[in-house]
Amino acid sequence: MLFQGCTSISQPTASRPLVEHEYVIAAPAESDLMQRQLTRSISGSIISLDNESGTIGAQFFAATGATCRKVYFTTSGQTVFCQNELKQWYRVKSVISVYAENSRGGAQ
């Protein structure tokens, strides 16, 4: 059985964070090249970081209120990048929710 659907509503934007934790603290900003790739690439695009290629996912809004994207690298696996208040992308530390997501049998 195949289901299809569409929506005309836009992605909501958080007006304030839903969580506050040490994981929310931003890491150093990524390189200029990675900034451009994360900002300009459409979902499904192949990008390169440190001689490793990966597939970029769609932008989403995290519970912290930040705009984020997942990148699925061929050798190192999934990495999440989010934007800070200056709209610079940074790499997010892996947290238990990533482990729980992977233990259910698949990444989203």
PDB file of N, CA and C in Angstrom:
ATOM      1  N   MET A   1       0.839  -1.152   0.000  1.00  0.00           N
ATOM      2  CA  MET A   1       0.000   0.000   0.000  1.00  0.00           C
ATOM      3  C   MET A   1       0.903   1.240   0.000  1.00  0.00           C
ATOM      4  N   LEU A   2       0.612   2.193  -0.825  1.00  0.00           N
ATOM      5  CA  LEU A   2       1.408   3.409  -0.943  1.00  0.00           C
ATOM      6  C   LEU A   2       0.537   4.605  -0.600  1.00  0.00           C
ATOM      7  N   PHE A   3       1.036   5.436   0.308  1.00  0.00           N
ATOM      8  CA  PHE A   3       0.338   6.653   0.686  1.00  0.00           C
ATOM      9  C   PHE A   3       1.155   7.846   0.263  1.00  0.00           C
ATOM     10  N   GLN A   4       0.509   8.838  -0.286  1.00  0.00           N
ATOM     11  CA  GLN A   4       1.164  10.076  -0.648  1.00  0.00           C
ATOM     12  C   GLN A   4       0.357  11.223  -0.090  1.00  0.00           C
ATOM     13  N   GLY A   5       1.040  12.320   0.134  1.00  0.00           N
ATOM     14  CA  GLY A   5       0.329  13.484   0.627  1.00  0.00           C
ATOM     15  C   GLY A   5       1.173  14.714   0.459  1.00  0.00           C
ATOM     16  N   CYS A   6       0.573  15.838   0.652  1.00  0.00           N
ATOM     17  CA  CYS A   6       1.303  17.082   0.583  1.00  0.00           C
ATOM     18  C   CYS A   6       0.672  18.057   1.563  1.00  0.00           C
ATOM     19  N   THR A   7       1.378  19.102   1.818  1.00  0.00           N
ATOM     20  CA  THR A   7       0.886  20.109   2.734  1.00  0.00           C
ATOM     21  C   THR A   7       1.271  21.481   2.236  1.00  0.00           C
ATOM     22  N   SER A   8       0.498  22.443   2.592  1.00  0.00           N
ATOM     23  CA  SER A   8       0.807  23.804   2.184  1.00  0.00           C
ATOM     24  C   SER A   8       1.271  24.658   3.356  1.00  0.00           C
ATOM     25  N   ILE A   9       1.310  24.069   4.559  1.00  0.00           N
ATOM     26  CA  ILE A   9       1.764  24.858   5.701  1.00  0.00           C
ATOM     27  C   ILE A   9       3.287  24.899   5.731  1.00  0.00           C
ATOM     28  N   SER A  10       3.813  25.987   6.202  1.00  0.00           N
ATOM     29  CA  SER A  10       5.265  26.110   6.287  1.00  0.00           C
ATOM     30  C   SER A  10       5.746  25.565   7.627  1.00  0.00           C
ATOM     31  N   GLN A  11       7.031  25.258   7.682  1.00  0.00           N
ATOM     32  CA  GLN A  11       7.647  24.742   8.899  1.00  0.00           C
ATOM     33  C   GLN A  11       7.561  25.813   9.985  1.00  0.00           C
ATOM     34  N   PRO A  12       7.030  25.483  11.168  1.00  0.00           N
ATOM     35  CA  PRO A  12       6.960  26.484  12.232  1.00  0.00           C
ATOM     36  C   PRO A  12       8.355  26.830  12.749  1.00  0.00           C
ATOM     37  N   THR A  13       8.498  28.029  13.248  1.00  0.00           N
ATOM     38  CA  THR A  13       9.752  28.482  13.827  1.00  0.00           C
ATOM     39  C   THR A  13       9.532  28.699  15.310  1.00  0.00           C
ATOM     40  N   ALA A  14      10.413  28.142  16.115  1.00  0.00           N
ATOM     41  CA  ALA A  14      10.289  28.276  17.563  1.00  0.00           C
ATOM     42  C   ALA A  14      10.611  29.698  17.991  1.00  0.00           C
ATOM     43  N   SER A  15       9.801  30.240  18.896  1.00  0.00           N
ATOM     44  CA  SER A  15      10.069  31.579  19.402  1.00  0.00           C
ATOM     45  C   SER A  15      10.972  31.534  20.620  1.00  0.00           C
ATOM     46  N   ARG A  16      11.077  30.364  21.250  1.00  0.00           N
ATOM     47  CA  ARG A  16      12.008  30.176  22.358  1.00  0.00           C
ATOM     48  C   ARG A  16      12.341  28.694  22.469  1.00  0.00           C
ATOM     49  N   PRO A  17      13.515  28.377  23.038  1.00  0.00           N
ATOM     50  CA  PRO A  17      13.917  26.977  23.152  1.00  0.00           C
ATOM     51  C   PRO A  17      12.973  26.179  24.044  1.00  0.00           C
ATOM     52  N   LEU A  18      12.778  24.924  23.708  1.00  0.00           N
ATOM     53  CA  LEU A  18      11.982  24.028  24.552  1.00  0.00           C
ATOM     54  C   LEU A  18      12.854  23.325  25.581  1.00  0.00           C
ATOM     55  N   VAL A  19      14.152  23.300  25.346  1.00  0.00           N
ATOM     56  CA  VAL A  19      15.090  22.665  26.271  1.00  0.00           C
ATOM     57  C   VAL A  19      16.269  23.591  26.516  1.00  0.00           C
ATOM     58  N   GLU A  20      16.861  23.449  27.680  1.00  0.00           N
ATOM     59  CA  GLU A  20      18.103  24.140  28.004  1.00  0.00           C
ATOM     60  C   GLU A  20      19.000  23.110  28.674  1.00  0.00           C
ATOM     61  N   HIS A  21      20.170  22.909  28.114  1.00  0.00           N
ATOM     62  CA  HIS A  21      21.072  21.876  28.599  1.00  0.00           C
ATOM     63  C   HIS A  21      22.457  22.183  28.079  1.00  0.00           C
ATOM     64  N   GLU A  22      23.479  21.524  28.636  1.00  0.00           N
ATOM     65  CA  GLU A  22      24.836  21.801  28.161  1.00  0.00           C
ATOM     66  C   GLU A  22      25.034  21.423  26.693  1.00  0.00           C
ATOM     67  N   TYR A  23      24.177  20.561  26.138  1.00  0.00           N
ATOM     68  CA  TYR A  23      24.297  20.194  24.736  1.00  0.00           C
ATOM     69  C   TYR A  23      23.902  21.344  23.806  1.00  0.00           C
ATOM     70  N   VAL A  24      23.218  22.335  24.353  1.00  0.00           N
ATOM     71  CA  VAL A  24      22.762  23.465  23.569  1.00  0.00           C
ATOM     72  C   VAL A  24      23.924  24.418  23.266  1.00  0.00           C
ATOM     73  N   ILE A  25      24.973  24.374  24.069  1.00  0.00           N
ATOM     74  CA  ILE A  25      26.116  25.266  23.877  1.00  0.00           C
ATOM     75  C   ILE A  25      26.758  24.979  22.527  1.00  0.00           C
ATOM     76  N   ALA A  26      26.894  26.022  21.737  1.00  0.00           N
ATOM     77  CA  ALA A  26      27.426  25.866  20.384  1.00  0.00           C
ATOM     78  C   ALA A  26      28.917  25.579  20.384  1.00  0.00           C
ATOM     79  N   ALA A  27      29.329  24.742  19.461  1.00  0.00           N
ATOM     80  CA  ALA A  27      30.739  24.453  19.226  1.00  0.00           C
ATOM     81  C   ALA A  27      31.281  25.520  18.276  1.00  0.00           C
ATOM     82  N   PRO A  28      32.583  25.508  17.995  1.00  0.00           N
ATOM     83  CA  PRO A  28      33.134  26.466  17.021  1.00  0.00           C
ATOM     84  C   PRO A  28      32.464  26.315  15.655  1.00  0.00           C
ATOM     85  N   ALA A  29      32.365  27.418  14.935  1.00  0.00           N
ATOM     86  CA  ALA A  29      31.743  27.415  13.613  1.00  0.00           C
ATOM     87  C   ALA A  29      32.550  26.559  12.641  1.00  0.00           C
ATOM     88  N   GLU A  30      31.856  25.964  11.692  1.00  0.00           N
ATOM     89  CA  GLU A  30      32.495  25.169  10.645  1.00  0.00           C
ATOM     90  C   GLU A  30      33.232  26.083   9.659  1.00  0.00           C
ATOM     91  N   SER A  31      34.007  25.483   8.780  1.00  0.00           N
ATOM     92  CA  SER A  31      34.769  26.222   7.770  1.00  0.00           C
ATOM     93  C   SER A  31      33.834  26.985   6.837  1.00  0.00           C
ATOM     94  N   ASP A  32      34.387  27.973   6.119  1.00  0.00           N
ATOM     95  CA  ASP A  32      33.591  28.741   5.161  1.00  0.00           C
ATOM     96  C   ASP A  32      32.976  27.839   4.101  1.00  0.00           C
ATOM     97  N   LEU A  33      33.739  26.850   3.623  1.00  0.00           N
ATOM     98  CA  LEU A  33      33.223  25.922   2.616  1.00  0.00           C
ATOM     99  C   LEU A  33      32.023  25.159   3.166  1.00  0.00           C
ATOM    100  N   MET A  34      32.140  24.642   4.379  1.00  0.00           N
ATOM    101  CA  MET A  34      31.035  23.890   4.969  1.00  0.00           C
ATOM    102  C   MET A  34      29.848  24.802   5.236  1.00  0.00           C
ATOM    103  N   GLN A  35      30.085  26.044   5.632  1.00  0.00           N
ATOM    104  CA  GLN A  35      28.998  27.007   5.822  1.00  0.00           C
ATOM    105  C   GLN A  35      28.175  27.146   4.539  1.00  0.00           C
ATOM    106  N   ARG A  36      28.873  27.306   3.421  1.00  0.00           N
ATOM    107  CA  ARG A  36      28.193  27.456   2.134  1.00  0.00           C
ATOM    108  C   ARG A  36      27.430  26.192   1.757  1.00  0.00           C
ATOM    109  N   GLN A  37      28.056  25.026   1.965  1.00  0.00           N
ATOM    110  CA  GLN A  37      27.395  23.767   1.605  1.00  0.00           C
ATOM    111  C   GLN A  37      26.127  23.553   2.428  1.00  0.00           C
ATOM    112  N   LEU A  38      26.187  23.811   3.721  1.00  0.00           N
ATOM    113  CA  LEU A  38      25.027  23.610   4.587  1.00  0.00           C
ATOM    114  C   LEU A  38      23.923  24.622   4.304  1.00  0.00           C
ATOM    115  N   THR A  39      24.294  25.827   3.918  1.00  0.00           N
ATOM    116  CA  THR A  39      23.317  26.877   3.655  1.00  0.00           C
ATOM    117  C   THR A  39      22.655  26.717   2.299  1.00  0.00           C
ATOM    118  N   ARG A  40      23.417  26.385   1.275  1.00  0.00           N
ATOM    119  CA  ARG A  40      22.925  26.416  -0.099  1.00  0.00           C
ATOM    120  C   ARG A  40      22.459  25.081  -0.662  1.00  0.00           C
ATOM    121  N   SER A  41      22.886  23.974  -0.089  1.00  0.00           N
ATOM    122  CA  SER A  41      22.571  22.666  -0.671  1.00  0.00           C
ATOM    123  C   SER A  41      21.130  22.252  -0.399  1.00  0.00           C
ATOM    124  N   ILE A  42      20.537  21.612  -1.389  1.00  0.00           N
ATOM    125  CA  ILE A  42      19.191  21.076  -1.201  1.00  0.00           C
ATOM    126  C   ILE A  42      19.300  19.670  -0.623  1.00  0.00           C
ATOM    127  N   SER A  43      18.232  19.218  -0.010  1.00  0.00           N
ATOM    128  CA  SER A  43      18.198  17.886   0.581  1.00  0.00           C
ATOM    129  C   SER A  43      18.516  16.833  -0.473  1.00  0.00           C
ATOM    130  N   GLY A  44      19.393  15.904  -0.127  1.00  0.00           N
ATOM    131  CA  GLY A  44      19.800  14.847  -1.046  1.00  0.00           C
ATOM    132  C   GLY A  44      21.084  15.152  -1.785  1.00  0.00           C
ATOM    133  N   SER A  45      21.596  16.377  -1.652  1.00  0.00           N
ATOM    134  CA  SER A  45      22.850  16.751  -2.317  1.00  0.00           C
ATOM    135  C   SER A  45      24.034  16.043  -1.664  1.00  0.00           C
ATOM    136  N   ILE A  46      25.035  15.765  -2.467  1.00  0.00           N
ATOM    137  CA  ILE A  46      26.280  15.190  -1.968  1.00  0.00           C
ATOM    138  C   ILE A  46      27.221  16.352  -1.655  1.00  0.00           C
ATOM    139  N   ILE A  47      27.759  16.380  -0.427  1.00  0.00           N
ATOM    140  CA  ILE A  47      28.706  17.417  -0.032  1.00  0.00           C
ATOM    141  C   ILE A  47      30.004  16.762   0.409  1.00  0.00           C
ATOM    142  N   SER A  48      31.028  17.567   0.607  1.00  0.00           N
ATOM    143  CA  SER A  48      32.334  17.054   1.004  1.00  0.00           C
ATOM    144  C   SER A  48      32.859  17.826   2.200  1.00  0.00           C
ATOM    145  N   LEU A  49      33.406  17.114   3.177  1.00  0.00           N
ATOM    146  CA  LEU A  49      34.025  17.721   4.355  1.00  0.00           C
ATOM    147  C   LEU A  49      35.239  16.890   4.727  1.00  0.00           C
ATOM    148  N   ASP A  50      36.402  17.520   4.757  1.00  0.00           N
ATOM    149  CA  ASP A  50      37.639  16.822   5.129  1.00  0.00           C
ATOM    150  C   ASP A  50      37.841  15.538   4.333  1.00  0.00           C
ATOM    151  N   ASN A  51      37.695  15.630   3.027  1.00  0.00           N
ATOM    152  CA  ASN A  51      37.889  14.500   2.112  1.00  0.00           C
ATOM    153  C   ASN A  51      36.917  13.352   2.345  1.00  0.00           C
ATOM    154  N   GLU A  52      35.784  13.632   2.949  1.00  0.00           N
ATOM    155  CA  GLU A  52      34.744  12.624   3.144  1.00  0.00           C
ATOM    156  C   GLU A  52      33.452  13.155   2.542  1.00  0.00           C
ATOM    157  N   SER A  53      32.785  12.316   1.769  1.00  0.00           N
ATOM    158  CA  SER A  53      31.529  12.765   1.160  1.00  0.00           C
ATOM    159  C   SER A  53      30.345  12.331   2.020  1.00  0.00           C
ATOM    160  N   GLY A  54      29.276  13.088   1.889  1.00  0.00           N
ATOM    161  CA  GLY A  54      28.073  12.779   2.641  1.00  0.00           C
ATOM    162  C   GLY A  54      26.847  13.313   1.934  1.00  0.00           C
ATOM    163  N   THR A  55      25.699  12.817   2.345  1.00  0.00           N
ATOM    164  CA  THR A  55      24.426  13.254   1.798  1.00  0.00           C
ATOM    165  C   THR A  55      23.748  14.154   2.821  1.00  0.00           C
ATOM    166  N   ILE A  56      23.332  15.324   2.352  1.00  0.00           N
ATOM    167  CA  ILE A  56      22.744  16.299   3.267  1.00  0.00           C
ATOM    168  C   ILE A  56      21.234  16.104   3.358  1.00  0.00           C
ATOM    169  N   GLY A  57      20.713  16.231   4.569  1.00  0.00           N
ATOM    170  CA  GLY A  57      19.284  16.101   4.798  1.00  0.00           C
ATOM    171  C   GLY A  57      18.584  17.451   4.765  1.00  0.00           C
ATOM    172  N   ALA A  58      17.286  17.420   4.909  1.00  0.00           N
ATOM    173  CA  ALA A  58      16.485  18.646   4.909  1.00  0.00           C
ATOM    174  C   ALA A  58      16.707  19.429   6.198  1.00  0.00           C
ATOM    175  N   GLN A  59      16.491  20.733   6.136  1.00  0.00           N
ATOM    176  CA  GLN A  59      16.566  21.556   7.338  1.00  0.00           C
ATOM    177  C   GLN A  59      15.392  21.223   8.239  1.00  0.00           C
ATOM    178  N   PHE A  60      15.623  21.288   9.550  1.00  0.00           N
ATOM    179  CA  PHE A  60      14.557  21.086  10.523  1.00  0.00           C
ATOM    180  C   PHE A  60      14.815  21.999  11.713  1.00  0.00           C
ATOM    181  N   PHE A  61      13.815  22.162  12.565  1.00  0.00           N
ATOM    182  CA  PHE A  61      13.950  22.995  13.743  1.00  0.00           C
ATOM    183  C   PHE A  61      14.041  22.100  14.966  1.00  0.00           C
ATOM    184  N   ALA A  62      15.116  22.268  15.729  1.00  0.00           N
ATOM    185  CA  ALA A  62      15.353  21.466  16.920  1.00  0.00           C
ATOM    186  C   ALA A  62      14.571  22.042  18.106  1.00  0.00           C
ATOM    187  N   ALA A  63      14.458  21.259  19.155  1.00  0.00           N
ATOM    188  CA  ALA A  63      13.779  21.713  20.366  1.00  0.00           C
ATOM    189  C   ALA A  63      14.491  22.907  20.991  1.00  0.00           C
ATOM    190  N   THR A  64      15.746  23.110  20.639  1.00  0.00           N
ATOM    191  CA  THR A  64      16.499  24.267  21.140  1.00  0.00           C
ATOM    192  C   THR A  64      16.099  25.552  20.433  1.00  0.00           C
ATOM    193  N   GLY A  65      15.312  25.446  19.363  1.00  0.00           N
ATOM    194  CA  GLY A  65      14.918  26.597  18.576  1.00  0.00           C
ATOM    195  C   GLY A  65      15.841  26.857  17.401  1.00  0.00           C
ATOM    196  N   ALA A  66      16.909  26.070  17.281  1.00  0.00           N
ATOM    197  CA  ALA A  66      17.893  26.260  16.214  1.00  0.00           C
ATOM    198  C   ALA A  66      17.469  25.570  14.923  1.00  0.00           C
ATOM    199  N   THR A  67      17.907  26.126  13.790  1.00  0.00           N
ATOM    200  CA  THR A  67      17.757  25.481  12.496  1.00  0.00           C
ATOM    201  C   THR A  67      18.897  24.476  12.370  1.00  0.00           C
ATOM    202  N   CYS A  68      18.581  23.242  11.997  1.00  0.00           N
ATOM    203  CA  CYS A  68      19.589  22.187  11.941  1.00  0.00           C
ATOM    204  C   CYS A  68      19.458  21.385  10.647  1.00  0.00           C
ATOM    205  N   ARG A  69      20.505  20.605  10.356  1.00  0.00           N
ATOM    206  CA  ARG A  69      20.510  19.663   9.228  1.00  0.00           C
ATOM    207  C   ARG A  69      21.322  18.444   9.629  1.00  0.00           C
ATOM    208  N   LYS A  70      20.887  17.280   9.161  1.00  0.00           N
ATOM    209  CA  LYS A  70      21.673  16.062   9.338  1.00  0.00           C
ATOM    210  C   LYS A  70      22.476  15.840   8.064  1.00  0.00           C
ATOM    211  N   VAL A  71      23.696  15.350   8.235  1.00  0.00           N
ATOM    212  CA  VAL A  71      24.514  14.933   7.098  1.00  0.00           C
ATOM    213  C   VAL A  71      24.896  13.479   7.365  1.00  0.00           C
ATOM    214  N   TYR A  72      24.673  12.626   6.374  1.00  0.00           N
ATOM    215  CA  TYR A  72      24.986  11.198   6.487  1.00  0.00           C
ATOM    216  C   TYR A  72      26.292  10.945   5.741  1.00  0.00           C
ATOM    217  N   PHE A  73      27.412  10.890   6.493  1.00  0.00           N
ATOM    218  CA  PHE A  73      28.721  10.669   5.889  1.00  0.00           C
ATOM    219  C   PHE A  73      28.936   9.183   5.637  1.00  0.00           C
ATOM    220  N   THR A  74      29.641   8.870   4.549  1.00  0.00           N
ATOM    221  CA  THR A  74      29.795   7.475   4.124  1.00  0.00           C
ATOM    222  C   THR A  74      30.584   6.644   5.132  1.00  0.00           C
ATOM    223  N   THR A  75      31.587   7.210   5.783  1.00  0.00           N
ATOM    224  CA  THR A  75      32.386   6.410   6.712  1.00  0.00           C
ATOM    225  C   THR A  75      32.126   6.705   8.181  1.00  0.00           C
ATOM    226  N   SER A  76      31.816   7.943   8.535  1.00  0.00           N
ATOM    227  CA  SER A  76      31.660   8.276   9.955  1.00  0.00           C
ATOM    228  C   SER A  76      30.209   8.310  10.428  1.00  0.00           C
ATOM    229  N   GLY A  77      29.266   8.143   9.525  1.00  0.00           N
ATOM    230  CA  GLY A  77      27.862   8.091   9.916  1.00  0.00           C
ATOM    231  C   GLY A  77      27.195   9.459   9.992  1.00  0.00           C
ATOM    232  N   GLN A  78      26.108   9.522  10.739  1.00  0.00           N
ATOM    233  CA  GLN A  78      25.279  10.725  10.818  1.00  0.00           C
ATOM    234  C   GLN A  78      25.912  11.796  11.712  1.00  0.00           C
ATOM    235  N   THR A  79      25.883  13.030  11.242  1.00  0.00           N
ATOM    236  CA  THR A  79      26.319  14.183  12.016  1.00  0.00           C
ATOM    237  C   THR A  79      25.239  15.245  11.904  1.00  0.00           C
ATOM    238  N   VAL A  80      24.964  15.928  13.004  1.00  0.00           N
ATOM    239  CA  VAL A  80      23.976  17.004  13.009  1.00  0.00           C
ATOM    240  C   VAL A  80      24.713  18.333  13.099  1.00  0.00           C
ATOM    241  N   PHE A  81      24.289  19.283  12.269  1.00  0.00           N
ATOM    242  CA  PHE A  81      24.823  20.642  12.274  1.00  0.00           C
ATOM    243  C   PHE A  81      23.662  21.582  12.551  1.00  0.00           C
ATOM    244  N   CYS A  82      23.894  22.606  13.376  1.00  0.00           N
ATOM    245  CA  CYS A  82      22.872  23.605  13.673  1.00  0.00           C
ATOM    246  C   CYS A  82      23.462  24.993  13.502  1.00  0.00           C
ATOM    247  N   GLN A  83      22.576  25.974  13.382  1.00  0.00           N
ATOM    248  CA  GLN A  83      23.012  27.356  13.256  1.00  0.00           C
ATOM    249  C   GLN A  83      22.931  28.058  14.607  1.00  0.00           C
ATOM    250  N   ASN A  84      23.956  28.889  14.885  1.00  0.00           N
ATOM    251  CA  ASN A  84      23.926  29.696  16.098  1.00  0.00           C
ATOM    252  C   ASN A  84      23.186  31.000  15.822  1.00  0.00           C
ATOM    253  N   GLU A  85      23.165  31.901  16.792  1.00  0.00           N
ATOM    254  CA  GLU A  85      22.423  33.163  16.625  1.00  0.00           C
ATOM    255  C   GLU A  85      23.012  34.061  15.548  1.00  0.00           C
ATOM    256  N   LEU A  86      24.264  33.804  15.129  1.00  0.00           N
ATOM    257  CA  LEU A  86      24.892  34.555  14.038  1.00  0.00           C
ATOM    258  C   LEU A  86      24.692  33.878  12.684  1.00  0.00           C
ATOM    259  N   LYS A  87      23.864  32.826  12.653  1.00  0.00           N
ATOM    260  CA  LYS A  87      23.568  32.048  11.436  1.00  0.00           C
ATOM    261  C   LYS A  87      24.787  31.287  10.923  1.00  0.00           C
ATOM    262  N   GLN A  88      25.732  30.979  11.833  1.00  0.00           N
ATOM    263  CA  GLN A  88      26.894  30.157  11.482  1.00  0.00           C
ATOM    264  C   GLN A  88      26.592  28.712  11.875  1.00  0.00           C
ATOM    265  N   TRP A  89      26.947  27.788  10.992  1.00  0.00           N
ATOM    266  CA  TRP A  89      26.721  26.373  11.258  1.00  0.00           C
ATOM    267  C   TRP A  89      27.821  25.827  12.169  1.00  0.00           C
ATOM    268  N   TYR A  90      27.435  24.978  13.105  1.00  0.00           N
ATOM    269  CA  TYR A  90      28.378  24.282  13.985  1.00  0.00           C
ATOM    270  C   TYR A  90      27.942  22.827  14.129  1.00  0.00           C
ATOM    271  N   ARG A  91      28.904  21.987  14.448  1.00  0.00           N
ATOM    272  CA  ARG A  91      28.646  20.550  14.629  1.00  0.00           C
ATOM    273  C   ARG A  91      28.082  20.324  16.032  1.00  0.00           C
ATOM    274  N   VAL A  92      27.003  19.564  16.120  1.00  0.00           N
ATOM    275  CA  VAL A  92      26.356  19.280  17.396  1.00  0.00           C
ATOM    276  C   VAL A  92      26.947  18.009  17.987  1.00  0.00           C
ATOM    277  N   LYS A  93      27.186  18.040  19.296  1.00  0.00           N
ATOM    278  CA  LYS A  93      27.680  16.849  19.986  1.00  0.00           C
ATOM    279  C   LYS A  93      26.631  15.741  19.899  1.00  0.00           C
ATOM    280  N   SER A  94      27.102  14.499  19.778  1.00  0.00           N
ATOM    281  CA  SER A  94      26.177  13.361  19.793  1.00  0.00           C
ATOM    282  C   SER A  94      25.598  13.226  21.193  1.00  0.00           C
ATOM    283  N   VAL A  95      24.305  12.968  21.245  1.00  0.00           N
ATOM    284  CA  VAL A  95      23.638  12.799  22.533  1.00  0.00           C
ATOM    285  C   VAL A  95      22.877  11.486  22.539  1.00  0.00           C
ATOM    286  N   ILE A  96      22.311  11.143  23.668  1.00  0.00           N
ATOM    287  CA  ILE A  96      21.636   9.861  23.822  1.00  0.00           C
ATOM    288  C   ILE A  96      20.495   9.695  22.831  1.00  0.00           C
ATOM    289  N   SER A  97      19.823  10.778  22.447  1.00  0.00           N
ATOM    290  CA  SER A  97      18.693  10.649  21.516  1.00  0.00           C
ATOM    291  C   SER A  97      19.140  10.072  20.182  1.00  0.00           C
ATOM    292  N   VAL A  98      20.380  10.358  19.773  1.00  0.00           N
ATOM    293  CA  VAL A  98      20.896   9.775  18.535  1.00  0.00           C
ATOM    294  C   VAL A  98      21.049   8.270  18.719  1.00  0.00           C
ATOM    295  N   TYR A  99      21.547   7.850  19.877  1.00  0.00           N
ATOM    296  CA  TYR A  99      21.693   6.424  20.163  1.00  0.00           C
ATOM    297  C   TYR A  99      20.316   5.756  20.159  1.00  0.00           C
ATOM    298  N   ALA A 100      19.332   6.378  20.818  1.00  0.00           N
ATOM    299  CA  ALA A 100      17.998   5.792  20.883  1.00  0.00           C
ATOM    300  C   ALA A 100      17.383   5.690  19.491  1.00  0.00           C
ATOM    301  N   GLU A 101      17.609   6.710  18.672  1.00  0.00           N
ATOM    302  CA  GLU A 101      17.070   6.699  17.312  1.00  0.00           C
ATOM    303  C   GLU A 101      17.686   5.548  16.518  1.00  0.00           C
ATOM    304  N   ASN A 102      18.999   5.370  16.639  1.00  0.00           N
ATOM    305  CA  ASN A 102      19.676   4.306  15.902  1.00  0.00           C
ATOM    306  C   ASN A 102      19.318   2.919  16.444  1.00  0.00           C
ATOM    307  N   SER A 103      19.048   2.798  17.745  1.00  0.00           N
ATOM    308  CA  SER A 103      18.743   1.494  18.322  1.00  0.00           C
ATOM    309  C   SER A 103      17.363   0.997  17.918  1.00  0.00           C
ATOM    310  N   ARG A 104      16.488   1.890  17.413  1.00  0.00           N
ATOM    311  CA  ARG A 104      15.160   1.487  16.969  1.00  0.00           C
ATOM    312  C   ARG A 104      15.194   0.893  15.557  1.00  0.00           C
ATOM    313  N   GLY A 105      16.360   0.890  14.949  1.00  0.00           N
ATOM    314  CA  GLY A 105      16.452   0.221  13.660  1.00  0.00           C
ATOM    315  C   GLY A 105      16.506   1.131  12.464  1.00  0.00           C
ATOM    316  N   GLY A 106      16.804   2.395  12.652  1.00  0.00           N
ATOM    317  CA  GLY A 106      16.921   3.247  11.475  1.00  0.00           C
ATOM    318  C   GLY A 106      16.992   4.712  11.831  1.00  0.00           C
ATOM    319  N   ALA A 107      17.732   5.417  11.025  1.00  0.00           N
ATOM    320  CA  ALA A 107      17.835   6.860  11.196  1.00  0.00           C
ATOM    321  C   ALA A 107      16.705   7.542  10.444  1.00  0.00           C
ATOM    322  N   GLN A 108      16.358   8.715  10.917  1.00  0.00           N
ATOM    323  CA  GLN A 108      15.289   9.465  10.261  1.00  0.00           C
ATOM    324  C   GLN A 108      15.852  10.692   9.616  1.00  0.00           C
TER     325      GLN A 108
END
